[in-house]
Amino acid sequence: MNDAIINKLAAIERCLKRIQDVYQESKDHFETDYTSQDSIILNLQRACEACIDVANIINKHHKTGVPQSGRDSFELMKKAGLLSAPLSENLQKMVGLRNIAVHDYQTLNLEIVKHVVENKLHEFTDFIEEVKGL
């Protein structure tokens, strides 16, 4: 595993820690705590972008093709047998959330953000584990 991947995986772990810490402190008033919302959403974006970066490095190394989008990065890994199908699909959904957060913040549903924080952060750690297993 090269240094770029190691550094990106560490960045994902830092983002997850920050998300968990901020959410734990603000869970009871998350809907009205805009600073916590911003912190969590920013760190979700960063974690997602770092996953895309890792996927692109792996795709390039394994010559799986050139991804046309963030979602495509995980699809190419899946097709090459480098990422499990369920994880690929879930990370592609995470890219969708990231895209909404980046490009159309007004329509970002906080209930979805809460659901991701409470139930889906393991997708990032699962990605880290699958990458480490390559």
N, C-alpha and C. Protein backbone atom coordinates (compact mmCIF):
# COMPACT_ATOMS: atom_id res chain seq x y z
N MET A 1 0.86 -1.17 0.00
CA MET A 1 0.00 0.00 0.00
C MET A 1 0.90 1.24 0.00
N ASN A 2 0.62 2.18 -0.90
CA ASN A 2 1.50 3.34 -1.00
C ASN A 2 1.13 4.42 0.02
N ASP A 3 2.03 5.39 0.16
CA ASP A 3 1.85 6.45 1.16
C ASP A 3 0.59 7.27 0.91
N ALA A 4 0.25 7.50 -0.34
CA ALA A 4 -0.95 8.29 -0.64
C ALA A 4 -2.19 7.61 -0.09
N ILE A 5 -2.29 6.30 -0.26
CA ILE A 5 -3.44 5.56 0.26
C ILE A 5 -3.43 5.58 1.78
N ILE A 6 -2.28 5.34 2.38
CA ILE A 6 -2.17 5.35 3.84
C ILE A 6 -2.63 6.69 4.40
N ASN A 7 -2.18 7.77 3.80
CA ASN A 7 -2.55 9.11 4.27
C ASN A 7 -4.04 9.38 4.09
N LYS A 8 -4.61 8.94 2.98
CA LYS A 8 -6.04 9.14 2.74
C LYS A 8 -6.88 8.33 3.73
N LEU A 9 -6.46 7.10 4.01
CA LEU A 9 -7.19 6.28 4.98
C LEU A 9 -7.14 6.92 6.36
N ALA A 10 -5.99 7.47 6.72
CA ALA A 10 -5.87 8.17 8.01
C ALA A 10 -6.78 9.39 8.05
N ALA A 11 -6.89 10.08 6.93
CA ALA A 11 -7.78 11.25 6.86
C ALA A 11 -9.23 10.84 7.05
N ILE A 12 -9.62 9.71 6.47
CA ILE A 12 -10.99 9.20 6.65
C ILE A 12 -11.24 8.92 8.12
N GLU A 13 -10.29 8.27 8.77
CA GLU A 13 -10.44 7.95 10.19
C GLU A 13 -10.57 9.22 11.03
N ARG A 14 -9.79 10.25 10.71
CA ARG A 14 -9.88 11.53 11.44
C ARG A 14 -11.26 12.17 11.24
N CYS A 15 -11.76 12.13 10.02
CA CYS A 15 -13.08 12.68 9.74
C CYS A 15 -14.16 11.95 10.53
N LEU A 16 -14.07 10.64 10.56
CA LEU A 16 -15.06 9.85 11.29
C LEU A 16 -15.03 10.16 12.78
N LYS A 17 -13.84 10.30 13.32
CA LYS A 17 -13.70 10.64 14.75
C LYS A 17 -14.34 12.00 15.02
N ARG A 18 -14.07 12.96 14.16
CA ARG A 18 -14.63 14.30 14.34
C ARG A 18 -16.15 14.26 14.23
N ILE A 19 -16.68 13.53 13.27
CA ILE A 19 -18.13 13.40 13.12
C ILE A 19 -18.74 12.83 14.40
N GLN A 20 -18.16 11.74 14.88
CA GLN A 20 -18.69 11.08 16.08
C GLN A 20 -18.61 11.99 17.30
N ASP A 21 -17.49 12.68 17.46
CA ASP A 21 -17.32 13.57 18.62
C ASP A 21 -18.32 14.72 18.58
N VAL A 22 -18.45 15.36 17.44
CA VAL A 22 -19.35 16.51 17.32
C VAL A 22 -20.79 16.06 17.49
N TYR A 23 -21.15 14.94 16.87
CA TYR A 23 -22.53 14.47 16.97
C TYR A 23 -22.88 14.08 18.40
N GLN A 24 -21.96 13.45 19.08
CA GLN A 24 -22.20 13.06 20.47
C GLN A 24 -22.50 14.29 21.33
N GLU A 25 -21.77 15.36 21.09
CA GLU A 25 -21.96 16.60 21.86
C GLU A 25 -23.25 17.34 21.49
N SER A 26 -23.72 17.17 20.26
CA SER A 26 -24.84 17.99 19.78
C SER A 26 -26.10 17.18 19.46
N LYS A 27 -26.08 15.89 19.74
CA LYS A 27 -27.19 15.03 19.33
C LYS A 27 -28.56 15.56 19.76
N ASP A 28 -28.65 16.07 20.97
CA ASP A 28 -29.94 16.51 21.50
C ASP A 28 -30.44 17.81 20.89
N HIS A 29 -29.56 18.57 20.27
CA HIS A 29 -29.96 19.85 19.68
C HIS A 29 -29.37 20.02 18.27
N PHE A 30 -29.15 18.90 17.60
CA PHE A 30 -28.51 18.91 16.29
C PHE A 30 -29.28 19.74 15.27
N GLU A 31 -30.60 19.66 15.29
CA GLU A 31 -31.43 20.36 14.30
C GLU A 31 -31.25 21.87 14.35
N THR A 32 -30.87 22.41 15.51
CA THR A 32 -30.72 23.86 15.65
C THR A 32 -29.26 24.29 15.82
N ASP A 33 -28.35 23.35 15.84
CA ASP A 33 -26.93 23.66 16.04
C ASP A 33 -26.23 23.69 14.68
N TYR A 34 -26.24 24.86 14.06
CA TYR A 34 -25.72 24.99 12.70
C TYR A 34 -24.21 24.76 12.62
N THR A 35 -23.50 25.10 13.68
CA THR A 35 -22.06 24.86 13.69
C THR A 35 -21.77 23.37 13.67
N SER A 36 -22.50 22.60 14.45
CA SER A 36 -22.32 21.14 14.45
C SER A 36 -22.75 20.54 13.12
N GLN A 37 -23.85 21.03 12.57
CA GLN A 37 -24.29 20.55 11.26
C GLN A 37 -23.19 20.78 10.22
N ASP A 38 -22.65 21.99 10.21
CA ASP A 38 -21.60 22.31 9.24
C ASP A 38 -20.38 21.42 9.42
N SER A 39 -19.98 21.21 10.67
CA SER A 39 -18.81 20.38 10.95
C SER A 39 -19.02 18.94 10.48
N ILE A 40 -20.18 18.41 10.79
CA ILE A 40 -20.47 17.02 10.42
C ILE A 40 -20.57 16.88 8.90
N ILE A 41 -21.28 17.79 8.27
CA ILE A 41 -21.44 17.71 6.81
C ILE A 41 -20.09 17.88 6.12
N LEU A 42 -19.28 18.82 6.58
CA LEU A 42 -17.96 19.02 5.99
C LEU A 42 -17.10 17.76 6.14
N ASN A 43 -17.14 17.14 7.30
CA ASN A 43 -16.33 15.94 7.50
C ASN A 43 -16.88 14.74 6.73
N LEU A 44 -18.19 14.67 6.53
CA LEU A 44 -18.74 13.64 5.65
C LEU A 44 -18.24 13.85 4.22
N GLN A 45 -18.24 15.10 3.77
CA GLN A 45 -17.72 15.41 2.43
C GLN A 45 -16.26 15.00 2.31
N ARG A 46 -15.48 15.38 3.30
CA ARG A 46 -14.04 15.07 3.26
C ARG A 46 -13.80 13.57 3.25
N ALA A 47 -14.53 12.84 4.08
CA ALA A 47 -14.36 11.38 4.13
C ALA A 47 -14.74 10.77 2.79
N CYS A 48 -15.83 11.24 2.22
CA CYS A 48 -16.28 10.72 0.94
C CYS A 48 -15.26 11.02 -0.16
N GLU A 49 -14.76 12.24 -0.18
CA GLU A 49 -13.76 12.61 -1.19
C GLU A 49 -12.47 11.81 -1.03
N ALA A 50 -12.08 11.54 0.21
CA ALA A 50 -10.88 10.73 0.45
C ALA A 50 -11.10 9.30 -0.05
N CYS A 51 -12.31 8.77 0.14
CA CYS A 51 -12.62 7.42 -0.38
C CYS A 51 -12.54 7.41 -1.90
N ILE A 52 -13.07 8.44 -2.53
CA ILE A 52 -12.99 8.53 -3.99
C ILE A 52 -11.53 8.59 -4.43
N ASP A 53 -10.73 9.39 -3.73
CA ASP A 53 -9.30 9.49 -4.07
C ASP A 53 -8.62 8.13 -3.97
N VAL A 54 -8.90 7.41 -2.89
CA VAL A 54 -8.30 6.08 -2.71
C VAL A 54 -8.75 5.16 -3.84
N ALA A 55 -10.04 5.18 -4.13
CA ALA A 55 -10.57 4.34 -5.21
C ALA A 55 -9.88 4.66 -6.54
N ASN A 56 -9.67 5.94 -6.80
CA ASN A 56 -9.02 6.33 -8.05
C ASN A 56 -7.57 5.87 -8.11
N ILE A 57 -6.87 5.93 -7.00
CA ILE A 57 -5.49 5.44 -6.95
C ILE A 57 -5.46 3.94 -7.23
N ILE A 58 -6.38 3.21 -6.60
CA ILE A 58 -6.44 1.76 -6.78
C ILE A 58 -6.84 1.43 -8.22
N ASN A 59 -7.82 2.13 -8.75
CA ASN A 59 -8.24 1.89 -10.13
C ASN A 59 -7.10 2.13 -11.11
N LYS A 60 -6.34 3.17 -10.88
CA LYS A 60 -5.21 3.46 -11.76
C LYS A 60 -4.17 2.35 -11.66
N HIS A 61 -3.86 1.93 -10.44
CA HIS A 61 -2.85 0.88 -10.23
C HIS A 61 -3.27 -0.43 -10.90
N HIS A 62 -4.55 -0.76 -10.80
CA HIS A 62 -5.05 -2.03 -11.34
C HIS A 62 -5.56 -1.89 -12.78
N LYS A 63 -5.45 -0.68 -13.33
CA LYS A 63 -5.87 -0.42 -14.72
C LYS A 63 -7.30 -0.89 -14.99
N THR A 64 -8.21 -0.48 -14.10
CA THR A 64 -9.61 -0.89 -14.23
C THR A 64 -10.39 -0.01 -15.19
N GLY A 65 -9.82 1.12 -15.58
CA GLY A 65 -10.50 2.07 -16.44
C GLY A 65 -10.45 3.45 -15.81
N VAL A 66 -10.97 4.41 -16.53
CA VAL A 66 -10.97 5.79 -16.05
C VAL A 66 -12.38 6.13 -15.57
N PRO A 67 -12.53 6.40 -14.28
CA PRO A 67 -13.87 6.73 -13.77
C PRO A 67 -14.36 8.07 -14.32
N GLN A 68 -15.63 8.13 -14.64
CA GLN A 68 -16.23 9.35 -15.16
C GLN A 68 -16.88 10.19 -14.06
N SER A 69 -16.96 9.61 -12.86
CA SER A 69 -17.60 10.30 -11.73
C SER A 69 -17.11 9.64 -10.44
N GLY A 70 -17.45 10.27 -9.33
CA GLY A 70 -17.12 9.67 -8.04
C GLY A 70 -17.76 8.30 -7.87
N ARG A 71 -19.02 8.21 -8.26
CA ARG A 71 -19.72 6.92 -8.16
C ARG A 71 -19.03 5.85 -9.01
N ASP A 72 -18.60 6.27 -10.17
CA ASP A 72 -17.96 5.34 -11.11
C ASP A 72 -16.67 4.76 -10.52
N SER A 73 -16.00 5.50 -9.67
CA SER A 73 -14.76 5.01 -9.04
C SER A 73 -15.02 3.71 -8.28
N PHE A 74 -16.13 3.67 -7.54
CA PHE A 74 -16.47 2.48 -6.77
C PHE A 74 -17.02 1.37 -7.66
N GLU A 75 -17.73 1.76 -8.70
CA GLU A 75 -18.27 0.77 -9.65
C GLU A 75 -17.13 0.04 -10.36
N LEU A 76 -16.10 0.77 -10.77
CA LEU A 76 -14.95 0.14 -11.42
C LEU A 76 -14.24 -0.82 -10.47
N MET A 77 -14.10 -0.42 -9.22
CA MET A 77 -13.48 -1.33 -8.24
C MET A 77 -14.30 -2.60 -8.08
N LYS A 78 -15.63 -2.43 -8.01
CA LYS A 78 -16.51 -3.60 -7.86
C LYS A 78 -16.37 -4.53 -9.06
N LYS A 79 -16.42 -3.98 -10.27
CA LYS A 79 -16.33 -4.80 -11.47
C LYS A 79 -15.00 -5.55 -11.57
N ALA A 80 -13.95 -4.96 -10.99
CA ALA A 80 -12.63 -5.60 -11.01
C ALA A 80 -12.44 -6.57 -9.84
N GLY A 81 -13.47 -6.73 -9.01
CA GLY A 81 -13.37 -7.63 -7.87
C GLY A 81 -12.54 -7.07 -6.73
N LEU A 82 -12.38 -5.75 -6.70
CA LEU A 82 -11.56 -5.10 -5.67
C LEU A 82 -12.39 -4.53 -4.53
N LEU A 83 -13.71 -4.54 -4.69
CA LEU A 83 -14.61 -3.99 -3.68
C LEU A 83 -15.90 -4.79 -3.73
N SER A 84 -16.44 -5.13 -2.58
CA SER A 84 -17.67 -5.91 -2.54
C SER A 84 -18.83 -5.10 -3.13
N ALA A 85 -19.77 -5.80 -3.73
CA ALA A 85 -20.91 -5.14 -4.37
C ALA A 85 -21.73 -4.30 -3.39
N PRO A 86 -22.08 -4.84 -2.21
CA PRO A 86 -22.88 -4.02 -1.29
C PRO A 86 -22.16 -2.74 -0.85
N LEU A 87 -20.87 -2.85 -0.59
CA LEU A 87 -20.12 -1.67 -0.16
C LEU A 87 -20.01 -0.67 -1.31
N SER A 88 -19.79 -1.16 -2.51
CA SER A 88 -19.74 -0.27 -3.67
C SER A 88 -21.04 0.51 -3.80
N GLU A 89 -22.16 -0.17 -3.69
CA GLU A 89 -23.46 0.49 -3.82
C GLU A 89 -23.67 1.51 -2.71
N ASN A 90 -23.29 1.16 -1.48
CA ASN A 90 -23.48 2.08 -0.36
C ASN A 90 -22.57 3.30 -0.47
N LEU A 91 -21.36 3.11 -0.93
CA LEU A 91 -20.46 4.25 -1.12
C LEU A 91 -20.93 5.14 -2.26
N GLN A 92 -21.53 4.54 -3.27
CA GLN A 92 -22.10 5.35 -4.36
C GLN A 92 -23.24 6.22 -3.84
N LYS A 93 -24.02 5.69 -2.92
CA LYS A 93 -25.09 6.49 -2.29
C LYS A 93 -24.48 7.62 -1.46
N MET A 94 -23.37 7.33 -0.79
CA MET A 94 -22.69 8.34 0.01
C MET A 94 -22.20 9.48 -0.89
N VAL A 95 -21.73 9.13 -2.09
CA VAL A 95 -21.31 10.16 -3.05
C VAL A 95 -22.52 11.03 -3.42
N GLY A 96 -23.68 10.42 -3.53
CA GLY A 96 -24.89 11.20 -3.81
C GLY A 96 -25.17 12.21 -2.71
N LEU A 97 -25.03 11.79 -1.46
CA LEU A 97 -25.21 12.71 -0.34
C LEU A 97 -24.17 13.83 -0.39
N ARG A 98 -22.94 13.46 -0.68
CA ARG A 98 -21.87 14.45 -0.80
C ARG A 98 -22.19 15.46 -1.90
N ASN A 99 -22.68 14.97 -3.03
CA ASN A 99 -23.00 15.87 -4.14
C ASN A 99 -24.10 16.86 -3.77
N ILE A 100 -25.10 16.39 -3.05
CA ILE A 100 -26.17 17.29 -2.60
C ILE A 100 -25.59 18.33 -1.64
N ALA A 101 -24.74 17.88 -0.73
CA ALA A 101 -24.15 18.80 0.24
C ALA A 101 -23.29 19.86 -0.44
N VAL A 102 -22.55 19.46 -1.45
CA VAL A 102 -21.64 20.39 -2.12
C VAL A 102 -22.38 21.31 -3.07
N HIS A 103 -23.31 20.78 -3.84
CA HIS A 103 -23.89 21.53 -4.95
C HIS A 103 -25.25 22.13 -4.68
N ASP A 104 -25.98 21.60 -3.71
CA ASP A 104 -27.35 22.07 -3.50
C ASP A 104 -27.68 22.00 -2.02
N TYR A 105 -26.95 22.74 -1.23
CA TYR A 105 -27.02 22.64 0.23
C TYR A 105 -28.44 22.86 0.76
N GLN A 106 -29.23 23.68 0.09
CA GLN A 106 -30.56 24.01 0.59
C GLN A 106 -31.48 22.80 0.69
N THR A 107 -31.24 21.79 -0.15
CA THR A 107 -32.14 20.63 -0.14
C THR A 107 -31.61 19.48 0.71
N LEU A 108 -30.51 19.69 1.42
CA LEU A 108 -29.94 18.63 2.24
C LEU A 108 -30.87 18.36 3.42
N ASN A 109 -31.32 17.14 3.52
CA ASN A 109 -32.26 16.73 4.56
C ASN A 109 -31.47 16.31 5.81
N LEU A 110 -31.68 17.03 6.90
CA LEU A 110 -30.94 16.72 8.13
C LEU A 110 -31.28 15.35 8.69
N GLU A 111 -32.48 14.86 8.42
CA GLU A 111 -32.82 13.51 8.88
C GLU A 111 -31.94 12.47 8.19
N ILE A 112 -31.63 12.70 6.93
CA ILE A 112 -30.74 11.79 6.21
C ILE A 112 -29.34 11.88 6.78
N VAL A 113 -28.88 13.10 7.07
CA VAL A 113 -27.56 13.26 7.67
C VAL A 113 -27.50 12.52 9.01
N LYS A 114 -28.52 12.69 9.84
CA LYS A 114 -28.56 11.99 11.13
C LYS A 114 -28.55 10.48 10.92
N HIS A 115 -29.32 10.00 9.96
CA HIS A 115 -29.36 8.56 9.67
C HIS A 115 -27.97 8.05 9.28
N VAL A 116 -27.29 8.80 8.44
CA VAL A 116 -25.94 8.40 8.03
C VAL A 116 -25.02 8.36 9.24
N VAL A 117 -25.05 9.40 10.05
CA VAL A 117 -24.17 9.46 11.22
C VAL A 117 -24.47 8.33 12.20
N GLU A 118 -25.73 8.05 12.41
CA GLU A 118 -26.13 7.04 13.39
C GLU A 118 -26.02 5.61 12.87
N ASN A 119 -26.13 5.41 11.54
CA ASN A 119 -26.24 4.05 11.02
C ASN A 119 -25.30 3.68 9.88
N LYS A 120 -24.62 4.63 9.27
CA LYS A 120 -23.88 4.32 8.05
C LYS A 120 -22.39 4.66 8.07
N LEU A 121 -21.88 5.21 9.16
CA LEU A 121 -20.46 5.55 9.19
C LEU A 121 -19.58 4.31 9.04
N HIS A 122 -20.13 3.15 9.39
CA HIS A 122 -19.36 1.91 9.25
C HIS A 122 -19.00 1.64 7.79
N GLU A 123 -19.74 2.24 6.85
CA GLU A 123 -19.39 2.05 5.43
C GLU A 123 -17.97 2.55 5.16
N PHE A 124 -17.61 3.63 5.81
CA PHE A 124 -16.26 4.16 5.64
C PHE A 124 -15.22 3.23 6.25
N THR A 125 -15.50 2.72 7.44
CA THR A 125 -14.53 1.80 8.07
C THR A 125 -14.49 0.48 7.31
N ASP A 126 -15.61 0.05 6.76
CA ASP A 126 -15.61 -1.16 5.93
C ASP A 126 -14.74 -0.95 4.69
N PHE A 127 -14.82 0.24 4.11
CA PHE A 127 -13.98 0.57 2.95
C PHE A 127 -12.51 0.50 3.33
N ILE A 128 -12.17 1.09 4.46
CA ILE A 128 -10.78 1.06 4.93
C ILE A 128 -10.31 -0.38 5.06
N GLU A 129 -11.12 -1.23 5.66
CA GLU A 129 -10.73 -2.63 5.86
C GLU A 129 -10.58 -3.37 4.53
N GLU A 130 -11.51 -3.13 3.61
CA GLU A 130 -11.40 -3.81 2.31
C GLU A 130 -10.16 -3.35 1.55
N VAL A 131 -9.85 -2.07 1.64
CA VAL A 131 -8.65 -1.55 0.97
C VAL A 131 -7.40 -2.15 1.60
N LYS A 132 -7.37 -2.23 2.90
CA LYS A 132 -6.20 -2.81 3.58
C LYS A 132 -6.03 -4.28 3.23
N GLY A 133 -7.12 -4.94 2.84
CA GLY A 133 -7.06 -6.35 2.48
C GLY A 133 -6.61 -6.61 1.05
N LEU A 134 -6.42 -5.57 0.28
CA LEU A 134 -6.01 -5.76 -1.12
C LEU A 134 -4.54 -6.14 -1.22
